Amino acid sequence: MAAWFTPRSVWHVVNGGPIEGVYRGIDEIFDYFRWVDTETGGTLRHQITDVLANNQRAVVFIRLTGRRGLRAFDGVCLTAYEFEGDQVAEAWAFAEDGPAYAEFWSSPD
């Protein structure tokens, strides 16, 4: 998966409450991915529902489900990608229901 990113890639998390932020470079991005996996006990699942793309950009719609403590999330999210060649240069991840997504990532029950 690291081959999908450039050393300068940037990953933005929008409306994610406590996880909202900008993760720069492969190390920060993968630290974020590992943290998400750990916090959800590996339960976070992405089901791609639609993709709009050309050779410069893509938008991927997903159904995201997962558990964190006693909290559960089941919602529509999208990630917009900008490419540099065949790698991700920058990405912006959004949840359709921002307040519910932020609540999911707040302190677990």
C-alpha atoms as a PDB file:
ATOM      1  CA  MET A   1       0.000   0.000   0.000  1.00  0.00           C
ATOM      2  CA  ALA A   2       2.895   2.407   0.626  1.00  0.00           C
ATOM      3  CA  ALA A   3       3.612   2.325  -3.117  1.00  0.00           C
ATOM      4  CA  TRP A   4       0.284   4.094  -3.661  1.00  0.00           C
ATOM      5  CA  PHE A   5       1.617   7.277  -2.000  1.00  0.00           C
ATOM      6  CA  THR A   6       4.409   9.719  -2.745  1.00  0.00           C
ATOM      7  CA  PRO A   7       6.825  10.656   0.049  1.00  0.00           C
ATOM      8  CA  ARG A   8       5.073  14.053   0.097  1.00  0.00           C
ATOM      9  CA  SER A   9       1.489  12.751   0.128  1.00  0.00           C
ATOM     10  CA  VAL A  10      -1.020  14.552   2.329  1.00  0.00           C
ATOM     11  CA  TRP A  11      -4.151  12.980   3.871  1.00  0.00           C
ATOM     12  CA  HIS A  12      -6.863  15.339   5.181  1.00  0.00           C
ATOM     13  CA  VAL A  13      -9.572  14.118   7.566  1.00  0.00           C
ATOM     14  CA  VAL A  14     -12.518  16.511   7.479  1.00  0.00           C
ATOM     15  CA  ASN A  15     -15.376  16.539  10.046  1.00  0.00           C
ATOM     16  CA  GLY A  16     -13.828  13.688  12.040  1.00  0.00           C
ATOM     17  CA  GLY A  17     -13.901  15.400  15.432  1.00  0.00           C
ATOM     18  CA  PRO A  18     -10.826  14.370  17.410  1.00  0.00           C
ATOM     19  CA  ILE A  19      -9.186  12.684  14.394  1.00  0.00           C
ATOM     20  CA  GLU A  20      -9.749  15.679  12.123  1.00  0.00           C
ATOM     21  CA  GLY A  21      -6.482  16.939  10.801  1.00  0.00           C
ATOM     22  CA  VAL A  22      -3.800  16.837   8.165  1.00  0.00           C
ATOM     23  CA  TYR A  23      -1.391  13.905   7.999  1.00  0.00           C
ATOM     24  CA  ARG A  24       1.737  14.616   5.963  1.00  0.00           C
ATOM     25  CA  GLY A  25       4.051  12.024   4.458  1.00  0.00           C
ATOM     26  CA  ILE A  26       3.869   8.254   4.366  1.00  0.00           C
ATOM     27  CA  ASP A  27       4.888   7.814   8.019  1.00  0.00           C
ATOM     28  CA  GLU A  28       2.156  10.105   9.416  1.00  0.00           C
ATOM     29  CA  ILE A  29      -0.475   8.702   7.048  1.00  0.00           C
ATOM     30  CA  PHE A  30       0.309   5.097   7.967  1.00  0.00           C
ATOM     31  CA  ASP A  31       0.530   5.950  11.677  1.00  0.00           C
ATOM     32  CA  TYR A  32      -2.999   7.352  11.310  1.00  0.00           C
ATOM     33  CA  PHE A  33      -4.195   4.204   9.454  1.00  0.00           C
ATOM     34  CA  ARG A  34      -2.676   1.947  12.154  1.00  0.00           C
ATOM     35  CA  TRP A  35      -4.250   4.046  14.932  1.00  0.00           C
ATOM     36  CA  VAL A  36      -7.682   3.756  13.263  1.00  0.00           C
ATOM     37  CA  ASP A  37      -7.275  -0.009  12.969  1.00  0.00           C
ATOM     38  CA  THR A  38      -6.223  -0.313  16.618  1.00  0.00           C
ATOM     39  CA  GLU A  39      -8.987   1.954  17.932  1.00  0.00           C
ATOM     40  CA  THR A  40     -11.667  -0.011  16.091  1.00  0.00           C
ATOM     41  CA  GLY A  41     -10.223  -3.418  16.924  1.00  0.00           C
ATOM     42  CA  GLY A  42      -9.929  -4.064  13.188  1.00  0.00           C
ATOM     43  CA  THR A  43     -13.711  -3.732  12.721  1.00  0.00           C
ATOM     44  CA  LEU A  44     -13.672  -0.750  10.335  1.00  0.00           C
ATOM     45  CA  ARG A  45     -14.895  -1.871   6.912  1.00  0.00           C
ATOM     46  CA  HIS A  46     -15.000   0.058   3.642  1.00  0.00           C
ATOM     47  CA  GLN A  47     -17.500  -1.019   0.990  1.00  0.00           C
ATOM     48  CA  ILE A  48     -16.983   0.926  -2.232  1.00  0.00           C
ATOM     49  CA  THR A  49     -20.322   1.998  -3.688  1.00  0.00           C
ATOM     50  CA  ASP A  50     -19.246   4.344  -6.498  1.00  0.00           C
ATOM     51  CA  VAL A  51     -16.133   5.757  -8.148  1.00  0.00           C
ATOM     52  CA  LEU A  52     -15.799   8.837 -10.318  1.00  0.00           C
ATOM     53  CA  ALA A  53     -12.348   9.253 -11.827  1.00  0.00           C
ATOM     54  CA  ASN A  54     -10.110  10.552 -14.551  1.00  0.00           C
ATOM     55  CA  ASN A  55      -6.318  10.435 -14.834  1.00  0.00           C
ATOM     56  CA  GLN A  56      -5.826  13.353 -12.392  1.00  0.00           C
ATOM     57  CA  ARG A  57      -8.514  12.938  -9.735  1.00  0.00           C
ATOM     58  CA  ALA A  58     -10.942  10.440  -8.249  1.00  0.00           C
ATOM     59  CA  VAL A  59     -13.815  10.487  -5.797  1.00  0.00           C
ATOM     60  CA  VAL A  60     -14.640   7.220  -4.057  1.00  0.00           C
ATOM     61  CA  PHE A  61     -17.956   6.802  -2.226  1.00  0.00           C
ATOM     62  CA  ILE A  62     -17.978   4.155   0.477  1.00  0.00           C
ATOM     63  CA  ARG A  63     -20.229   2.690   3.099  1.00  0.00           C
ATOM     64  CA  LEU A  64     -18.116   2.756   6.248  1.00  0.00           C
ATOM     65  CA  THR A  65     -18.999   0.524   9.188  1.00  0.00           C
ATOM     66  CA  GLY A  66     -17.190  -0.162  12.417  1.00  0.00           C
ATOM     67  CA  ARG A  67     -17.264  -0.394  16.181  1.00  0.00           C
ATOM     68  CA  ARG A  68     -15.307   1.471  18.815  1.00  0.00           C
ATOM     69  CA  GLY A  69     -16.041   0.484  22.380  1.00  0.00           C
ATOM     70  CA  LEU A  70     -19.833   0.553  22.653  1.00  0.00           C
ATOM     71  CA  ARG A  71     -20.160   2.947  19.710  1.00  0.00           C
ATOM     72  CA  ALA A  72     -20.963   1.913  16.171  1.00  0.00           C
ATOM     73  CA  PHE A  73     -20.787   3.809  12.910  1.00  0.00           C
ATOM     74  CA  ASP A  74     -22.593   2.981   9.690  1.00  0.00           C
ATOM     75  CA  GLY A  75     -22.555   5.767   7.166  1.00  0.00           C
ATOM     76  CA  VAL A  76     -21.628   7.113   3.783  1.00  0.00           C
ATOM     77  CA  CYS A  77     -18.181   8.617   3.385  1.00  0.00           C
ATOM     78  CA  LEU A  78     -16.216   9.820   0.443  1.00  0.00           C
ATOM     79  CA  THR A  79     -12.573  10.360  -0.252  1.00  0.00           C
ATOM     80  CA  ALA A  80     -11.399  12.721  -2.982  1.00  0.00           C
ATOM     81  CA  TYR A  81      -7.974  11.910  -4.411  1.00  0.00           C
ATOM     82  CA  GLU A  82      -5.529  13.947  -6.464  1.00  0.00           C
ATOM     83  CA  PHE A  83      -2.855  11.973  -8.282  1.00  0.00           C
ATOM     84  CA  GLU A  84       0.762  12.615  -9.117  1.00  0.00           C
ATOM     85  CA  GLY A  85       1.430  10.135 -11.877  1.00  0.00           C
ATOM     86  CA  ASP A  86       0.037   6.835 -10.598  1.00  0.00           C
ATOM     87  CA  GLN A  87       0.340   7.748  -6.898  1.00  0.00           C
ATOM     88  CA  VAL A  88      -1.844   9.665  -4.454  1.00  0.00           C
ATOM     89  CA  ALA A  89      -0.503  13.166  -3.937  1.00  0.00           C
ATOM     90  CA  GLU A  90      -3.330  14.387  -1.712  1.00  0.00           C
ATOM     91  CA  ALA A  91      -6.596  13.031  -0.333  1.00  0.00           C
ATOM     92  CA  TRP A  92      -9.564  14.502   1.542  1.00  0.00           C
ATOM     93  CA  ALA A  93     -11.812  12.150   3.553  1.00  0.00           C
ATOM     94  CA  PHE A  94     -15.340  13.310   4.484  1.00  0.00           C
ATOM     95  CA  ALA A  95     -18.304  11.707   6.248  1.00  0.00           C
ATOM     96  CA  GLU A  96     -21.814  12.499   5.040  1.00  0.00           C
ATOM     97  CA  ASP A  97     -22.997  12.743   8.655  1.00  0.00           C
ATOM     98  CA  GLY A  98     -20.151  14.718  10.196  1.00  0.00           C
ATOM     99  CA  PRO A  99     -21.622  14.950  13.725  1.00  0.00           C
ATOM    100  CA  ALA A 100     -22.209  11.178  13.928  1.00  0.00           C
ATOM    101  CA  TYR A 101     -18.710  10.487  12.593  1.00  0.00           C
ATOM    102  CA  ALA A 102     -17.146  12.915  15.097  1.00  0.00           C
ATOM    103  CA  GLU A 103     -19.146  11.298  17.921  1.00  0.00           C
ATOM    104  CA  PHE A 104     -17.888   7.853  16.862  1.00  0.00           C
ATOM    105  CA  TRP A 105     -14.289   9.054  17.203  1.00  0.00           C
ATOM    106  CA  SER A 106     -14.805  10.844  20.517  1.00  0.00           C
ATOM    107  CA  SER A 107     -13.804   9.016  23.694  1.00  0.00           C
ATOM    108  CA  PRO A 108     -15.090   5.413  23.607  1.00  0.00           C
ATOM    109  CA  ASP A 109     -17.823   4.363  26.050  1.00  0.00           C
END
